[in-house]
Amino acid sequence: MGRLIVSFFSLLFFSNLVVGSTSLSLSQIFDALVNQGSPDVVTHFIVVETRLPAAATATLAGGSLAVIGLLLQASFHNPLADPGLLGVSGGASLGAAICILLIGINYSSAEAAIGFFCHYSICIYRCYHCYLTPLSLQ
């Protein structure tokens, strides 16, 4: 089962590199990834500067949402708990919005991750040090 999941994930990751507004073949993508001084600058820019970071960000965001959902469900002993329960998604959005205001529109996903982890750590601290239970979230 694990091999099936890994192969499906790999297929989706590489399809994210292939599919886009500009049609690229697998050989062009491979050349852009392997050859740093590729003669085709446009293909290198499309693959390395645009599609690869987008695929990596989507992978990290999806994985972090799965992990945070698992942690919340385990922490509250509630199979219906989700990241919106304590406002963790709102904390990530707040961190991204503050960075857009302070830094400008060109921000990376690292700022959103910083806001996400700061908000989550505050929520976990409150839950464990204020003795909150799933029935008394206030």
C-alpha atoms as a PDB file:
ATOM      1  CA  MET A   1       0.000   0.000   0.000  1.00  0.00           C
ATOM      2  CA  GLY A   2       2.859   2.363   0.835  1.00  0.00           C
ATOM      3  CA  ARG A   3       4.478   1.872  -2.574  1.00  0.00           C
ATOM      4  CA  LEU A   4       1.198   2.649  -4.272  1.00  0.00           C
ATOM      5  CA  ILE A   5       0.854   5.915  -2.353  1.00  0.00           C
ATOM      6  CA  VAL A   6       4.452   6.925  -3.060  1.00  0.00           C
ATOM      7  CA  SER A   7       4.124   6.118  -6.765  1.00  0.00           C
ATOM      8  CA  PHE A   8       0.837   8.018  -7.005  1.00  0.00           C
ATOM      9  CA  PHE A   9       2.380  10.999  -5.197  1.00  0.00           C
ATOM     10  CA  SER A  10       5.406  10.925  -7.528  1.00  0.00           C
ATOM     11  CA  LEU A  11       3.119  10.785 -10.560  1.00  0.00           C
ATOM     12  CA  LEU A  12       1.189  13.818  -9.334  1.00  0.00           C
ATOM     13  CA  PHE A  13       4.380  15.739  -8.491  1.00  0.00           C
ATOM     14  CA  PHE A  14       5.909  15.179 -11.929  1.00  0.00           C
ATOM     15  CA  SER A  15       2.621  15.849 -13.694  1.00  0.00           C
ATOM     16  CA  ASN A  16       2.676  19.243 -11.984  1.00  0.00           C
ATOM     17  CA  LEU A  17       6.029  19.842 -13.673  1.00  0.00           C
ATOM     18  CA  VAL A  18       4.764  18.717 -17.092  1.00  0.00           C
ATOM     19  CA  VAL A  19       1.304  20.289 -17.256  1.00  0.00           C
ATOM     20  CA  GLY A  20       1.041  24.038 -17.668  1.00  0.00           C
ATOM     21  CA  SER A  21       0.251  26.822 -20.100  1.00  0.00           C
ATOM     22  CA  THR A  22       3.455  26.015 -22.010  1.00  0.00           C
ATOM     23  CA  SER A  23       3.721  22.456 -23.299  1.00  0.00           C
ATOM     24  CA  LEU A  24       7.016  20.836 -22.322  1.00  0.00           C
ATOM     25  CA  SER A  25       8.202  17.320 -22.986  1.00  0.00           C
ATOM     26  CA  LEU A  26       9.750  15.092 -20.348  1.00  0.00           C
ATOM     27  CA  SER A  27      13.166  15.424 -22.015  1.00  0.00           C
ATOM     28  CA  GLN A  28      12.980  19.228 -21.820  1.00  0.00           C
ATOM     29  CA  ILE A  29      12.050  19.077 -18.146  1.00  0.00           C
ATOM     30  CA  PHE A  30      14.851  16.605 -17.426  1.00  0.00           C
ATOM     31  CA  ASP A  31      17.381  18.805 -19.259  1.00  0.00           C
ATOM     32  CA  ALA A  32      16.224  21.868 -17.343  1.00  0.00           C
ATOM     33  CA  LEU A  33      16.571  20.054 -13.999  1.00  0.00           C
ATOM     34  CA  VAL A  34      19.924  18.382 -14.703  1.00  0.00           C
ATOM     35  CA  ASN A  35      21.756  20.948 -16.828  1.00  0.00           C
ATOM     36  CA  GLN A  36      22.236  24.124 -14.817  1.00  0.00           C
ATOM     37  CA  GLY A  37      23.699  26.011 -17.772  1.00  0.00           C
ATOM     38  CA  SER A  38      20.941  24.922 -20.124  1.00  0.00           C
ATOM     39  CA  PRO A  39      20.991  26.660 -23.509  1.00  0.00           C
ATOM     40  CA  ASP A  40      17.206  26.988 -23.385  1.00  0.00           C
ATOM     41  CA  VAL A  41      16.843  29.721 -20.776  1.00  0.00           C
ATOM     42  CA  VAL A  42      13.066  29.949 -21.100  1.00  0.00           C
ATOM     43  CA  THR A  43      12.528  26.252 -20.372  1.00  0.00           C
ATOM     44  CA  HIS A  44      14.943  26.431 -17.429  1.00  0.00           C
ATOM     45  CA  PHE A  45      13.052  29.420 -16.017  1.00  0.00           C
ATOM     46  CA  ILE A  46       9.640  27.774 -16.478  1.00  0.00           C
ATOM     47  CA  VAL A  47      10.674  24.514 -14.828  1.00  0.00           C
ATOM     48  CA  VAL A  48      13.144  25.578 -12.132  1.00  0.00           C
ATOM     49  CA  GLU A  49      11.853  29.032 -11.214  1.00  0.00           C
ATOM     50  CA  THR A  50       8.110  28.521 -11.625  1.00  0.00           C
ATOM     51  CA  ARG A  51       6.819  24.956 -11.692  1.00  0.00           C
ATOM     52  CA  LEU A  52       9.253  23.275  -9.300  1.00  0.00           C
ATOM     53  CA  PRO A  53       8.686  25.776  -6.437  1.00  0.00           C
ATOM     54  CA  ALA A  54       4.922  25.555  -6.999  1.00  0.00           C
ATOM     55  CA  ALA A  55       5.019  21.752  -6.831  1.00  0.00           C
ATOM     56  CA  ALA A  56       7.216  21.812  -3.720  1.00  0.00           C
ATOM     57  CA  THR A  57       4.963  24.381  -2.021  1.00  0.00           C
ATOM     58  CA  ALA A  58       1.845  22.353  -2.814  1.00  0.00           C
ATOM     59  CA  THR A  59       3.522  19.228  -1.442  1.00  0.00           C
ATOM     60  CA  LEU A  60       4.604  20.921   1.790  1.00  0.00           C
ATOM     61  CA  ALA A  61       1.257  22.652   2.283  1.00  0.00           C
ATOM     62  CA  GLY A  62      -0.726  19.464   1.741  1.00  0.00           C
ATOM     63  CA  GLY A  63       1.560  17.470   4.002  1.00  0.00           C
ATOM     64  CA  SER A  64       1.451  20.083   6.754  1.00  0.00           C
ATOM     65  CA  LEU A  65      -2.346  20.211   6.636  1.00  0.00           C
ATOM     66  CA  ALA A  66      -2.459  16.435   6.974  1.00  0.00           C
ATOM     67  CA  VAL A  67      -0.058  16.509   9.929  1.00  0.00           C
ATOM     68  CA  ILE A  68      -1.859  19.357  11.686  1.00  0.00           C
ATOM     69  CA  GLY A  69      -5.174  17.556  11.246  1.00  0.00           C
ATOM     70  CA  LEU A  70      -3.688  14.407  12.749  1.00  0.00           C
ATOM     71  CA  LEU A  71      -2.201  16.349  15.678  1.00  0.00           C
ATOM     72  CA  LEU A  72      -5.468  18.126  16.407  1.00  0.00           C
ATOM     73  CA  GLN A  73      -7.449  14.903  16.243  1.00  0.00           C
ATOM     74  CA  ALA A  74      -4.988  13.197  18.578  1.00  0.00           C
ATOM     75  CA  SER A  75      -4.774  16.169  20.965  1.00  0.00           C
ATOM     76  CA  PHE A  76      -8.519  16.618  21.377  1.00  0.00           C
ATOM     77  CA  HIS A  77      -9.498  12.955  21.003  1.00  0.00           C
ATOM     78  CA  ASN A  78     -11.981  14.125  18.388  1.00  0.00           C
ATOM     79  CA  PRO A  79     -12.039  12.494  14.947  1.00  0.00           C
ATOM     80  CA  LEU A  80     -13.830  15.551  13.528  1.00  0.00           C
ATOM     81  CA  ALA A  81     -11.189  18.104  14.572  1.00  0.00           C
ATOM     82  CA  ASP A  82      -9.643  20.104  11.742  1.00  0.00           C
ATOM     83  CA  PRO A  83      -7.128  22.977  11.410  1.00  0.00           C
ATOM     84  CA  GLY A  84      -9.943  25.526  11.485  1.00  0.00           C
ATOM     85  CA  LEU A  85     -10.980  24.406  14.982  1.00  0.00           C
ATOM     86  CA  LEU A  86      -8.511  26.668  16.784  1.00  0.00           C
ATOM     87  CA  GLY A  87      -7.989  29.153  13.986  1.00  0.00           C
ATOM     88  CA  VAL A  88      -4.715  27.657  12.781  1.00  0.00           C
ATOM     89  CA  SER A  89      -5.641  28.314   9.146  1.00  0.00           C
ATOM     90  CA  GLY A  90      -6.543  31.866  10.099  1.00  0.00           C
ATOM     91  CA  GLY A  91      -3.139  32.256  11.763  1.00  0.00           C
ATOM     92  CA  ALA A  92      -1.388  31.240   8.564  1.00  0.00           C
ATOM     93  CA  SER A  93      -3.525  33.689   6.588  1.00  0.00           C
ATOM     94  CA  LEU A  94      -2.771  36.432   9.097  1.00  0.00           C
ATOM     95  CA  GLY A  95       0.965  35.755   8.841  1.00  0.00           C
ATOM     96  CA  ALA A  96       0.787  35.895   5.050  1.00  0.00           C
ATOM     97  CA  ALA A  97      -1.279  39.102   5.109  1.00  0.00           C
ATOM     98  CA  ILE A  98       1.140  40.827   7.492  1.00  0.00           C
ATOM     99  CA  CYS A  99       4.103  39.846   5.326  1.00  0.00           C
ATOM    100  CA  ILE A 100       2.329  41.132   2.222  1.00  0.00           C
ATOM    101  CA  LEU A 101       1.768  44.454   3.966  1.00  0.00           C
ATOM    102  CA  LEU A 102       5.296  44.717   5.364  1.00  0.00           C
ATOM    103  CA  ILE A 103       7.408  43.120   2.638  1.00  0.00           C
ATOM    104  CA  GLY A 104       5.246  43.552  -0.432  1.00  0.00           C
ATOM    105  CA  ILE A 105       3.505  41.188  -2.775  1.00  0.00           C
ATOM    106  CA  ASN A 106       6.664  39.136  -3.470  1.00  0.00           C
ATOM    107  CA  TYR A 107       6.731  36.894  -0.419  1.00  0.00           C
ATOM    108  CA  SER A 108       7.480  33.220  -0.145  1.00  0.00           C
ATOM    109  CA  SER A 109       5.481  30.536   1.578  1.00  0.00           C
ATOM    110  CA  ALA A 110       7.970  30.676   4.445  1.00  0.00           C
ATOM    111  CA  GLU A 111       6.206  33.706   5.895  1.00  0.00           C
ATOM    112  CA  ALA A 112       2.868  31.921   5.851  1.00  0.00           C
ATOM    113  CA  ALA A 113       4.514  28.916   7.504  1.00  0.00           C
ATOM    114  CA  ILE A 114       5.969  31.155  10.218  1.00  0.00           C
ATOM    115  CA  GLY A 115       2.524  32.598  10.965  1.00  0.00           C
ATOM    116  CA  PHE A 116       1.035  29.111  10.927  1.00  0.00           C
ATOM    117  CA  PHE A 117       3.565  27.656  13.387  1.00  0.00           C
ATOM    118  CA  CYS A 118       3.447  30.683  15.701  1.00  0.00           C
ATOM    119  CA  HIS A 119      -0.322  30.524  15.932  1.00  0.00           C
ATOM    120  CA  TYR A 120      -0.330  26.759  16.368  1.00  0.00           C
ATOM    121  CA  SER A 121       2.289  26.900  19.127  1.00  0.00           C
ATOM    122  CA  ILE A 122       0.257  29.526  20.990  1.00  0.00           C
ATOM    123  CA  CYS A 123      -2.856  27.349  20.716  1.00  0.00           C
ATOM    124  CA  ILE A 124      -1.062  24.227  21.913  1.00  0.00           C
ATOM    125  CA  TYR A 125       0.538  26.160  24.782  1.00  0.00           C
ATOM    126  CA  ARG A 126      -2.880  27.418  25.880  1.00  0.00           C
ATOM    127  CA  CYS A 127      -4.399  23.958  25.646  1.00  0.00           C
ATOM    128  CA  TYR A 128      -1.767  22.215  27.725  1.00  0.00           C
ATOM    129  CA  HIS A 129      -0.905  24.931  30.237  1.00  0.00           C
ATOM    130  CA  CYS A 130      -4.408  26.246  30.842  1.00  0.00           C
ATOM    131  CA  TYR A 131      -5.851  22.750  31.201  1.00  0.00           C
ATOM    132  CA  LEU A 132      -8.375  23.138  28.434  1.00  0.00           C
ATOM    133  CA  THR A 133     -10.322  20.102  27.373  1.00  0.00           C
ATOM    134  CA  PRO A 134     -12.292  19.578  24.159  1.00  0.00           C
ATOM    135  CA  LEU A 135     -15.422  20.458  26.134  1.00  0.00           C
ATOM    136  CA  SER A 136     -14.062  23.703  27.593  1.00  0.00           C
ATOM    137  CA  LEU A 137     -12.332  25.470  24.681  1.00  0.00           C
ATOM    138  CA  GLN A 138     -12.652  29.112  25.695  1.00  0.00           C
END
